[in-house]
Amino acid sequence: MTITIADCKDGAHYSILLKHPRTHRYARWDAGHQMFVWQGNSEAHYEEPGQVAEILERVYPPDGQQEF
């Protein structure tokens, strides 16, 4: 099953593939800003849905808490 932006829940974490550079990220969906967000080494990163090649699956957040 393909996951679309419409399927994404605010605050939920997803495994995504970016278009350029083609890299994998675990990111949180921020519905208010319509962006995926993840924490880098020193700063937060934000990516608009148009730069995401594919949303692979919903995942547990990095701290291990179950949210779904």
PDB file of N, CA and C in Angstrom:
ATOM      1  N   MET A   1       0.836  -1.180   0.000  1.00  0.00           N
ATOM      2  CA  MET A   1       0.000   0.000   0.000  1.00  0.00           C
ATOM      3  C   MET A   1       0.884   1.247   0.000  1.00  0.00           C
ATOM      4  N   THR A   2       0.616   2.143  -0.895  1.00  0.00           N
ATOM      5  CA  THR A   2       1.367   3.391  -0.976  1.00  0.00           C
ATOM      6  C   THR A   2       0.817   4.392   0.031  1.00  0.00           C
ATOM      7  N   ILE A   3       1.711   5.047   0.757  1.00  0.00           N
ATOM      8  CA  ILE A   3       1.313   6.079   1.711  1.00  0.00           C
ATOM      9  C   ILE A   3       1.413   7.428   1.014  1.00  0.00           C
ATOM     10  N   THR A   4       0.362   8.234   1.119  1.00  0.00           N
ATOM     11  CA  THR A   4       0.355   9.571   0.532  1.00  0.00           C
ATOM     12  C   THR A   4       0.380  10.616   1.646  1.00  0.00           C
ATOM     13  N   ILE A   5       0.599  11.864   1.275  1.00  0.00           N
ATOM     14  CA  ILE A   5       0.578  12.955   2.249  1.00  0.00           C
ATOM     15  C   ILE A   5      -0.771  13.005   2.957  1.00  0.00           C
ATOM     16  N   ALA A   6      -1.847  12.746   2.240  1.00  0.00           N
ATOM     17  CA  ALA A   6      -3.188  12.760   2.832  1.00  0.00           C
ATOM     18  C   ALA A   6      -3.331  11.706   3.932  1.00  0.00           C
ATOM     19  N   ASP A   7      -2.552  10.625   3.857  1.00  0.00           N
ATOM     20  CA  ASP A   7      -2.593   9.562   4.862  1.00  0.00           C
ATOM     21  C   ASP A   7      -1.789   9.907   6.114  1.00  0.00           C
ATOM     22  N   CYS A   8      -0.871  10.850   6.021  1.00  0.00           N
ATOM     23  CA  CYS A   8       0.038  11.165   7.125  1.00  0.00           C
ATOM     24  C   CYS A   8      -0.693  11.843   8.279  1.00  0.00           C
ATOM     25  N   LYS A   9      -0.391  11.406   9.487  1.00  0.00           N
ATOM     26  CA  LYS A   9      -0.991  11.953  10.703  1.00  0.00           C
ATOM     27  C   LYS A   9      -0.024  12.943  11.345  1.00  0.00           C
ATOM     28  N   ASP A  10      -0.551  14.059  11.831  1.00  0.00           N
ATOM     29  CA  ASP A  10       0.274  15.082  12.459  1.00  0.00           C
ATOM     30  C   ASP A  10       1.059  14.498  13.631  1.00  0.00           C
ATOM     31  N   GLY A  11       2.356  14.730  13.648  1.00  0.00           N
ATOM     32  CA  GLY A  11       3.213  14.264  14.729  1.00  0.00           C
ATOM     33  C   GLY A  11       3.700  12.833  14.589  1.00  0.00           C
ATOM     34  N   ALA A  12       3.180  12.096  13.618  1.00  0.00           N
ATOM     35  CA  ALA A  12       3.605  10.709  13.418  1.00  0.00           C
ATOM     36  C   ALA A  12       4.938  10.681  12.672  1.00  0.00           C
ATOM     37  N   HIS A  13       5.697   9.617  12.884  1.00  0.00           N
ATOM     38  CA  HIS A  13       7.005   9.463  12.252  1.00  0.00           C
ATOM     39  C   HIS A  13       6.911   8.499  11.073  1.00  0.00           C
ATOM     40  N   TYR A  14       7.678   8.816  10.023  1.00  0.00           N
ATOM     41  CA  TYR A  14       7.651   8.026   8.799  1.00  0.00           C
ATOM     42  C   TYR A  14       9.062   7.784   8.289  1.00  0.00           C
ATOM     43  N   SER A  15       9.220   6.690   7.590  1.00  0.00           N
ATOM     44  CA  SER A  15      10.445   6.387   6.868  1.00  0.00           C
ATOM     45  C   SER A  15      10.238   6.949   5.465  1.00  0.00           C
ATOM     46  N   ILE A  16      11.116   7.892   5.041  1.00  0.00           N
ATOM     47  CA  ILE A  16      10.934   8.551   3.744  1.00  0.00           C
ATOM     48  C   ILE A  16      12.210   8.495   2.906  1.00  0.00           C
ATOM     49  N   LEU A  17      12.039   8.580   1.598  1.00  0.00           N
ATOM     50  CA  LEU A  17      13.162   8.719   0.664  1.00  0.00           C
ATOM     51  C   LEU A  17      13.078  10.108   0.045  1.00  0.00           C
ATOM     52  N   LEU A  18      14.176  10.854   0.110  1.00  0.00           N
ATOM     53  CA  LEU A  18      14.229  12.175  -0.510  1.00  0.00           C
ATOM     54  C   LEU A  18      14.621  12.032  -1.974  1.00  0.00           C
ATOM     55  N   LYS A  19      14.208  13.004  -2.792  1.00  0.00           N
ATOM     56  CA  LYS A  19      14.544  12.981  -4.221  1.00  0.00           C
ATOM     57  C   LYS A  19      16.002  13.351  -4.460  1.00  0.00           C
ATOM     58  N   HIS A  20      16.441  14.492  -3.927  1.00  0.00           N
ATOM     59  CA  HIS A  20      17.807  14.988  -4.169  1.00  0.00           C
ATOM     60  C   HIS A  20      18.407  15.515  -2.883  1.00  0.00           C
ATOM     61  N   PRO A  21      19.475  15.029  -2.387  1.00  0.00           N
ATOM     62  CA  PRO A  21      20.107  13.781  -2.831  1.00  0.00           C
ATOM     63  C   PRO A  21      19.245  12.594  -2.414  1.00  0.00           C
ATOM     64  N   ARG A  22      19.320  11.535  -3.158  1.00  0.00           N
ATOM     65  CA  ARG A  22      18.494  10.350  -2.888  1.00  0.00           C
ATOM     66  C   ARG A  22      18.978   9.716  -1.589  1.00  0.00           C
ATOM     67  N   THR A  23      18.340  10.081  -0.496  1.00  0.00           N
ATOM     68  CA  THR A  23      18.725   9.581   0.822  1.00  0.00           C
ATOM     69  C   THR A  23      17.490   9.167   1.608  1.00  0.00           C
ATOM     70  N   HIS A  24      17.722   8.323   2.593  1.00  0.00           N
ATOM     71  CA  HIS A  24      16.661   7.846   3.474  1.00  0.00           C
ATOM     72  C   HIS A  24      16.684   8.658   4.759  1.00  0.00           C
ATOM     73  N   ARG A  25      15.512   8.979   5.292  1.00  0.00           N
ATOM     74  CA  ARG A  25      15.398   9.691   6.565  1.00  0.00           C
ATOM     75  C   ARG A  25      14.218   9.125   7.349  1.00  0.00           C
ATOM     76  N   TYR A  26      14.324   9.211   8.671  1.00  0.00           N
ATOM     77  CA  TYR A  26      13.185   9.003   9.554  1.00  0.00           C
ATOM     78  C   TYR A  26      12.747  10.396   9.953  1.00  0.00           C
ATOM     79  N   ALA A  27      11.513  10.755   9.628  1.00  0.00           N
ATOM     80  CA  ALA A  27      11.064  12.126   9.839  1.00  0.00           C
ATOM     81  C   ALA A  27       9.656  12.154  10.430  1.00  0.00           C
ATOM     82  N   ARG A  28       9.375  13.247  11.128  1.00  0.00           N
ATOM     83  CA  ARG A  28       8.056  13.481  11.723  1.00  0.00           C
ATOM     84  C   ARG A  28       7.261  14.379  10.783  1.00  0.00           C
ATOM     85  N   TRP A  29       5.986  14.078  10.590  1.00  0.00           N
ATOM     86  CA  TRP A  29       5.121  14.897   9.749  1.00  0.00           C
ATOM     87  C   TRP A  29       4.530  16.028  10.589  1.00  0.00           C
ATOM     88  N   ASP A  30       4.731  17.265  10.152  1.00  0.00           N
ATOM     89  CA  ASP A  30       4.180  18.457  10.798  1.00  0.00           C
ATOM     90  C   ASP A  30       3.062  18.971   9.895  1.00  0.00           C
ATOM     91  N   ALA A  31       1.829  18.617  10.221  1.00  0.00           N
ATOM     92  CA  ALA A  31       0.689  18.966   9.367  1.00  0.00           C
ATOM     93  C   ALA A  31       0.458  20.472   9.312  1.00  0.00           C
ATOM     94  N   GLY A  32       0.727  21.174  10.403  1.00  0.00           N
ATOM     95  CA  GLY A  32       0.522  22.619  10.436  1.00  0.00           C
ATOM     96  C   GLY A  32       1.373  23.361   9.425  1.00  0.00           C
ATOM     97  N   HIS A  33       2.596  22.884   9.219  1.00  0.00           N
ATOM     98  CA  HIS A  33       3.517  23.509   8.262  1.00  0.00           C
ATOM     99  C   HIS A  33       3.609  22.734   6.950  1.00  0.00           C
ATOM    100  N   GLN A  34       2.929  21.581   6.889  1.00  0.00           N
ATOM    101  CA  GLN A  34       2.954  20.719   5.708  1.00  0.00           C
ATOM    102  C   GLN A  34       4.393  20.371   5.310  1.00  0.00           C
ATOM    103  N   MET A  35       5.165  19.883   6.306  1.00  0.00           N
ATOM    104  CA  MET A  35       6.569  19.525   6.075  1.00  0.00           C
ATOM    105  C   MET A  35       6.953  18.316   6.914  1.00  0.00           C
ATOM    106  N   PHE A  36       7.955  17.586   6.418  1.00  0.00           N
ATOM    107  CA  PHE A  36       8.595  16.542   7.208  1.00  0.00           C
ATOM    108  C   PHE A  36       9.753  17.187   7.961  1.00  0.00           C
ATOM    109  N   VAL A  37       9.960  16.774   9.209  1.00  0.00           N
ATOM    110  CA  VAL A  37      10.980  17.368  10.069  1.00  0.00           C
ATOM    111  C   VAL A  37      11.809  16.250  10.694  1.00  0.00           C
ATOM    112  N   TRP A  38      13.139  16.450  10.758  1.00  0.00           N
ATOM    113  CA  TRP A  38      14.001  15.522  11.488  1.00  0.00           C
ATOM    114  C   TRP A  38      15.158  16.299  12.075  1.00  0.00           C
ATOM    115  N   GLN A  39      15.736  15.744  13.121  1.00  0.00           N
ATOM    116  CA  GLN A  39      16.851  16.390  13.803  1.00  0.00           C
ATOM    117  C   GLN A  39      18.163  15.903  13.218  1.00  0.00           C
ATOM    118  N   GLY A  40      18.978  16.841  12.754  1.00  0.00           N
ATOM    119  CA  GLY A  40      20.308  16.516  12.252  1.00  0.00           C
ATOM    120  C   GLY A  40      21.314  16.576  13.382  1.00  0.00           C
ATOM    121  N   ASN A  41      22.588  16.619  13.049  1.00  0.00           N
ATOM    122  CA  ASN A  41      23.640  16.671  14.062  1.00  0.00           C
ATOM    123  C   ASN A  41      23.568  17.934  14.903  1.00  0.00           C
ATOM    124  N   SER A  42      23.296  19.071  14.270  1.00  0.00           N
ATOM    125  CA  SER A  42      23.297  20.322  15.024  1.00  0.00           C
ATOM    126  C   SER A  42      22.051  21.171  14.801  1.00  0.00           C
ATOM    127  N   GLU A  43      21.185  20.771  13.899  1.00  0.00           N
ATOM    128  CA  GLU A  43      19.999  21.580  13.621  1.00  0.00           C
ATOM    129  C   GLU A  43      18.873  20.716  13.079  1.00  0.00           C
ATOM    130  N   ALA A  44      17.661  21.257  13.139  1.00  0.00           N
ATOM    131  CA  ALA A  44      16.504  20.567  12.586  1.00  0.00           C
ATOM    132  C   ALA A  44      16.471  20.770  11.074  1.00  0.00           C
ATOM    133  N   HIS A  45      15.985  19.774  10.369  1.00  0.00           N
ATOM    134  CA  HIS A  45      15.857  19.843   8.911  1.00  0.00           C
ATOM    135  C   HIS A  45      14.378  19.764   8.550  1.00  0.00           C
ATOM    136  N   TYR A  46      13.998  20.513   7.543  1.00  0.00           N
ATOM    137  CA  TYR A  46      12.611  20.568   7.090  1.00  0.00           C
ATOM    138  C   TYR A  46      12.575  20.269   5.601  1.00  0.00           C
ATOM    139  N   GLU A  47      11.602  19.476   5.184  1.00  0.00           N
ATOM    140  CA  GLU A  47      11.498  19.145   3.764  1.00  0.00           C
ATOM    141  C   GLU A  47      10.039  19.165   3.337  1.00  0.00           C
ATOM    142  N   GLU A  48       9.765  19.882   2.254  1.00  0.00           N
ATOM    143  CA  GLU A  48       8.412  19.940   1.711  1.00  0.00           C
ATOM    144  C   GLU A  48       8.074  18.617   1.024  1.00  0.00           C
ATOM    145  N   PRO A  49       6.799  18.273   0.977  1.00  0.00           N
ATOM    146  CA  PRO A  49       6.394  16.999   0.367  1.00  0.00           C
ATOM    147  C   PRO A  49       6.861  16.828  -1.079  1.00  0.00           C
ATOM    148  N   GLY A  50       6.993  17.906  -1.829  1.00  0.00           N
ATOM    149  CA  GLY A  50       7.432  17.810  -3.218  1.00  0.00           C
ATOM    150  C   GLY A  50       8.847  17.296  -3.372  1.00  0.00           C
ATOM    151  N   GLN A  51       9.645  17.355  -2.305  1.00  0.00           N
ATOM    152  CA  GLN A  51      11.023  16.870  -2.340  1.00  0.00           C
ATOM    153  C   GLN A  51      11.152  15.431  -1.836  1.00  0.00           C
ATOM    154  N   VAL A  52      10.019  14.827  -1.486  1.00  0.00           N
ATOM    155  CA  VAL A  52      10.014  13.451  -0.993  1.00  0.00           C
ATOM    156  C   VAL A  52       9.624  12.518  -2.136  1.00  0.00           C
ATOM    157  N   ALA A  53      10.510  11.583  -2.450  1.00  0.00           N
ATOM    158  CA  ALA A  53      10.253  10.639  -3.538  1.00  0.00           C
ATOM    159  C   ALA A  53       9.209   9.603  -3.133  1.00  0.00           C
ATOM    160  N   GLU A  54       9.292   9.151  -1.878  1.00  0.00           N
ATOM    161  CA  GLU A  54       8.391   8.089  -1.441  1.00  0.00           C
ATOM    162  C   GLU A  54       8.292   8.075   0.075  1.00  0.00           C
ATOM    163  N   ILE A  55       7.087   7.832   0.566  1.00  0.00           N
ATOM    164  CA  ILE A  55       6.861   7.602   1.995  1.00  0.00           C
ATOM    165  C   ILE A  55       6.765   6.092   2.138  1.00  0.00           C
ATOM    166  N   LEU A  56       7.762   5.495   2.777  1.00  0.00           N
ATOM    167  CA  LEU A  56       7.858   4.037   2.812  1.00  0.00           C
ATOM    168  C   LEU A  56       6.912   3.397   3.822  1.00  0.00           C
ATOM    169  N   GLU A  57       6.935   3.900   5.064  1.00  0.00           N
ATOM    170  CA  GLU A  57       6.089   3.320   6.100  1.00  0.00           C
ATOM    171  C   GLU A  57       6.048   4.229   7.316  1.00  0.00           C
ATOM    172  N   ARG A  58       5.035   4.015   8.145  1.00  0.00           N
ATOM    173  CA  ARG A  58       4.956   4.715   9.420  1.00  0.00           C
ATOM    174  C   ARG A  58       5.820   3.938  10.404  1.00  0.00           C
ATOM    175  N   VAL A  59       6.595   4.654  11.219  1.00  0.00           N
ATOM    176  CA  VAL A  59       7.522   4.007  12.148  1.00  0.00           C
ATOM    177  C   VAL A  59       7.324   4.562  13.553  1.00  0.00           C
ATOM    178  N   TYR A  60       7.895   3.864  14.529  1.00  0.00           N
ATOM    179  CA  TYR A  60       7.876   4.370  15.896  1.00  0.00           C
ATOM    180  C   TYR A  60       8.825   5.547  16.011  1.00  0.00           C
ATOM    181  N   PRO A  61       8.534   6.497  16.889  1.00  0.00           N
ATOM    182  CA  PRO A  61       9.432   7.647  17.068  1.00  0.00           C
ATOM    183  C   PRO A  61      10.778   7.195  17.621  1.00  0.00           C
ATOM    184  N   PRO A  62      11.814   8.013  17.441  1.00  0.00           N
ATOM    185  CA  PRO A  62      13.166   7.638  17.869  1.00  0.00           C
ATOM    186  C   PRO A  62      13.295   7.292  19.349  1.00  0.00           C
ATOM    187  N   ASP A  63      12.462   7.882  20.206  1.00  0.00           N
ATOM    188  CA  ASP A  63      12.585   7.610  21.642  1.00  0.00           C
ATOM    189  C   ASP A  63      11.956   6.277  22.033  1.00  0.00           C
ATOM    190  N   GLY A  64      11.377   5.572  21.060  1.00  0.00           N
ATOM    191  CA  GLY A  64      10.839   4.241  21.306  1.00  0.00           C
ATOM    192  C   GLY A  64       9.412   4.207  21.807  1.00  0.00           C
ATOM    193  N   GLN A  65       8.795   5.356  22.050  1.00  0.00           N
ATOM    194  CA  GLN A  65       7.415   5.372  22.513  1.00  0.00           C
ATOM    195  C   GLN A  65       6.491   4.955  21.385  1.00  0.00           C
ATOM    196  N   GLN A  66       5.546   4.110  21.707  1.00  0.00           N
ATOM    197  CA  GLN A  66       4.585   3.703  20.693  1.00  0.00           C
ATOM    198  C   GLN A  66       3.520   4.780  20.578  1.00  0.00           C
ATOM    199  N   GLU A  67       3.238   5.210  19.357  1.00  0.00           N
ATOM    200  CA  GLU A  67       2.257   6.270  19.168  1.00  0.00           C
ATOM    201  C   GLU A  67       1.041   5.812  18.375  1.00  0.00           C
ATOM    202  N   PHE A  68       1.054   4.573  17.877  1.00  0.00           N
ATOM    203  CA  PHE A  68      -0.108   4.097  17.116  1.00  0.00           C
ATOM    204  C   PHE A  68      -0.392   2.655  17.421  1.00  0.00           C
TER     205      PHE A  68
END
